[in-house]
Protein backbone atom coordinates (compact mmCIF):
# COMPACT_ATOMS: atom_id res chain seq x y z
CA UNK A 1 0.00 0.00 0.00
CA UNK A 2 2.78 2.44 0.96
CA UNK A 3 4.79 1.59 -2.18
CA UNK A 4 1.70 2.19 -4.34
CA UNK A 5 1.27 5.59 -2.68
CA UNK A 6 4.92 6.49 -3.19
CA UNK A 7 4.89 5.42 -6.85
CA UNK A 8 1.61 7.24 -7.56
CA UNK A 9 2.06 10.27 -5.32
CA UNK A 10 1.21 12.68 -8.14
CA UNK A 11 -2.12 10.91 -8.70
CA UNK A 12 -2.85 11.14 -4.98
CA UNK A 13 -1.79 14.79 -4.95
CA UNK A 14 -4.06 15.64 -7.87
CA UNK A 15 -6.97 13.78 -6.30
CA UNK A 16 -6.39 15.38 -2.92
CA UNK A 17 -6.24 18.90 -4.36
CA UNK A 18 -9.36 18.44 -6.46
CA UNK A 19 -11.31 16.92 -3.56
CA UNK A 20 -10.14 19.77 -1.34
CA UNK A 21 -11.46 22.32 -3.86
CA UNK A 22 -14.79 20.47 -4.12
CA UNK A 23 -14.99 20.43 -0.31
CA UNK A 24 -14.34 24.18 -0.20
CA UNK A 25 -16.90 24.91 -2.93
CA UNK A 26 -19.53 22.70 -1.26
CA UNK A 27 -19.21 24.12 2.26
CA UNK A 28 -21.35 27.27 1.79
CA UNK A 29 -24.05 25.35 -0.06
CA UNK A 30 -24.13 22.65 2.59
CA UNK A 31 -24.60 25.20 5.36
CA UNK A 32 -27.29 27.08 3.47
CA UNK A 33 -29.28 23.92 2.80
CA UNK A 34 -28.84 22.63 6.37
CA UNK A 35 -29.86 25.86 8.09
CA UNK A 36 -32.62 24.94 10.51
CA UNK A 37 -32.96 28.20 12.37
CA UNK A 38 -33.70 31.74 11.33
CA UNK A 39 -30.23 32.90 12.37
CA UNK A 40 -27.30 31.41 10.54
CA UNK A 41 -24.18 31.15 12.64
CA UNK A 42 -20.71 31.33 11.22
CA UNK A 43 -19.58 28.36 13.28
CA UNK A 44 -18.18 25.50 11.22
CA UNK A 45 -18.66 22.03 12.73
CA UNK A 46 -15.39 20.51 13.94
CA UNK A 47 -15.70 17.35 11.84
CA UNK A 48 -16.38 19.31 8.66
CA UNK A 49 -13.42 21.61 9.31
CA UNK A 50 -11.17 18.66 10.13
CA UNK A 51 -11.67 17.44 6.56
CA UNK A 52 -9.54 20.46 5.55
CA UNK A 53 -6.66 19.16 7.62
CA UNK A 54 -7.12 15.61 6.32
CA UNK A 55 -6.77 16.85 2.74
CA UNK A 56 -3.82 18.99 3.78
CA UNK A 57 -2.08 15.97 5.31
CA UNK A 58 -2.70 13.95 2.15
CA UNK A 59 -1.42 16.83 0.06
CA UNK A 60 1.78 17.27 2.10
CA UNK A 61 2.49 13.54 1.93
CA UNK A 62 1.91 13.47 -1.83
CA UNK A 63 4.15 16.51 -2.32
CA UNK A 64 6.90 14.93 -0.19
CA UNK A 65 6.99 11.77 -2.31
CA UNK A 66 6.54 13.67 -5.57
CA UNK A 67 9.51 15.87 -4.71
CA UNK A 68 11.59 12.77 -3.96
CA UNK A 69 10.67 11.21 -7.32
CA UNK A 70 10.86 14.32 -9.49
CA UNK A 71 13.80 14.97 -11.79
CA UNK A 72 13.17 18.70 -12.27
CA UNK A 73 14.42 21.10 -9.58
CA UNK A 74 12.04 23.89 -10.63
CA UNK A 75 9.03 21.55 -10.33
CA UNK A 76 10.23 20.52 -6.87
CA UNK A 77 10.34 24.17 -5.81
CA UNK A 78 6.86 24.82 -7.24
CA UNK A 79 5.38 21.75 -5.52
CA UNK A 80 6.83 22.89 -2.21
CA UNK A 81 5.78 26.52 -2.69
CA UNK A 82 2.17 25.78 -3.66
CA UNK A 83 1.88 23.19 -0.90
CA UNK A 84 3.21 25.66 1.66
CA UNK A 85 0.89 28.38 0.35
CA UNK A 86 -2.15 26.09 0.50
CA UNK A 87 -1.23 24.89 3.98
CA UNK A 88 -0.73 28.43 5.23
CA UNK A 89 -4.07 29.59 3.82
CA UNK A 90 -6.03 26.64 5.24
CA UNK A 91 -4.43 26.90 8.68
CA UNK A 92 -4.92 30.68 8.67
CA UNK A 93 -8.60 30.15 7.90
CA UNK A 94 -8.89 27.53 10.65
CA UNK A 95 -7.38 29.71 13.36
CA UNK A 96 -9.15 32.79 11.99
CA UNK A 97 -5.92 34.76 11.66
CA UNK A 98 -6.33 37.48 9.09
CA UNK A 99 -8.84 37.60 6.27
CA UNK A 100 -7.66 36.29 2.90
CA UNK A 101 -10.06 35.84 0.00
CA UNK A 102 -11.05 32.23 -0.74
CA UNK A 103 -9.91 32.81 -4.32
CA UNK A 104 -6.27 32.44 -3.23
CA UNK A 105 -6.94 29.08 -1.59
CA UNK A 106 -8.60 27.82 -4.78
CA UNK A 107 -5.77 29.27 -6.85
CA UNK A 108 -3.04 27.58 -4.81
CA UNK A 109 -4.89 24.23 -4.88
CA UNK A 110 -5.34 24.56 -8.65
CA UNK A 111 -1.68 25.37 -9.23
CA UNK A 112 -0.66 22.51 -6.95
CA UNK A 113 -2.81 20.11 -9.00
CA UNK A 114 -1.40 21.46 -12.27
CA UNK A 115 2.16 21.12 -10.99
CA UNK A 116 1.43 17.49 -9.99
CA UNK A 117 0.06 16.88 -13.51
CA UNK A 118 3.16 18.44 -15.10
CA UNK A 119 5.43 16.41 -12.81
CA UNK A 120 3.53 13.25 -13.66
CA UNK A 121 3.86 13.82 -17.41
CA UNK A 122 7.39 15.20 -17.72
CA UNK A 123 9.48 14.87 -14.57
CA UNK A 124 8.84 11.47 -13.00
CA UNK A 125 11.39 8.74 -12.54
CA UNK A 126 10.48 5.51 -14.25
CA UNK A 127 12.85 3.36 -12.23
CA UNK A 128 14.92 3.54 -9.04
CA UNK A 129 18.14 4.51 -10.86
CA UNK A 130 17.03 7.87 -12.24
CA UNK A 131 15.97 9.42 -8.93
CA UNK A 132 17.92 12.45 -7.83
CA UNK A 133 18.69 12.36 -4.12
């Protein structure tokens, strides 16, 4: 199972980023449809918010293994940068630090997915001997 994750980390990264974006898009609609009182609170249920951190953990793990298996230094830097940016934005939102538009979270998740796709197509090692350590 672990070896399959390591060998397909870009697929897991793409899937994690896309599911994270769907989760973020669905949140407002879910709360609007589930509103049972006249006053809508801004409280987000703990379990729903913890899904953010689950996707973030999957994303960080996928980026770690993708960086290890990538042959392009620039792609490694982009994977790290977009992952860091996404992590910062999600954690900032969770702790209610300062206000940042949701657009930037979607943008960083999109760029992270696109970088995983590029890495998958052009920068992946096909065997153990090509990996750069």
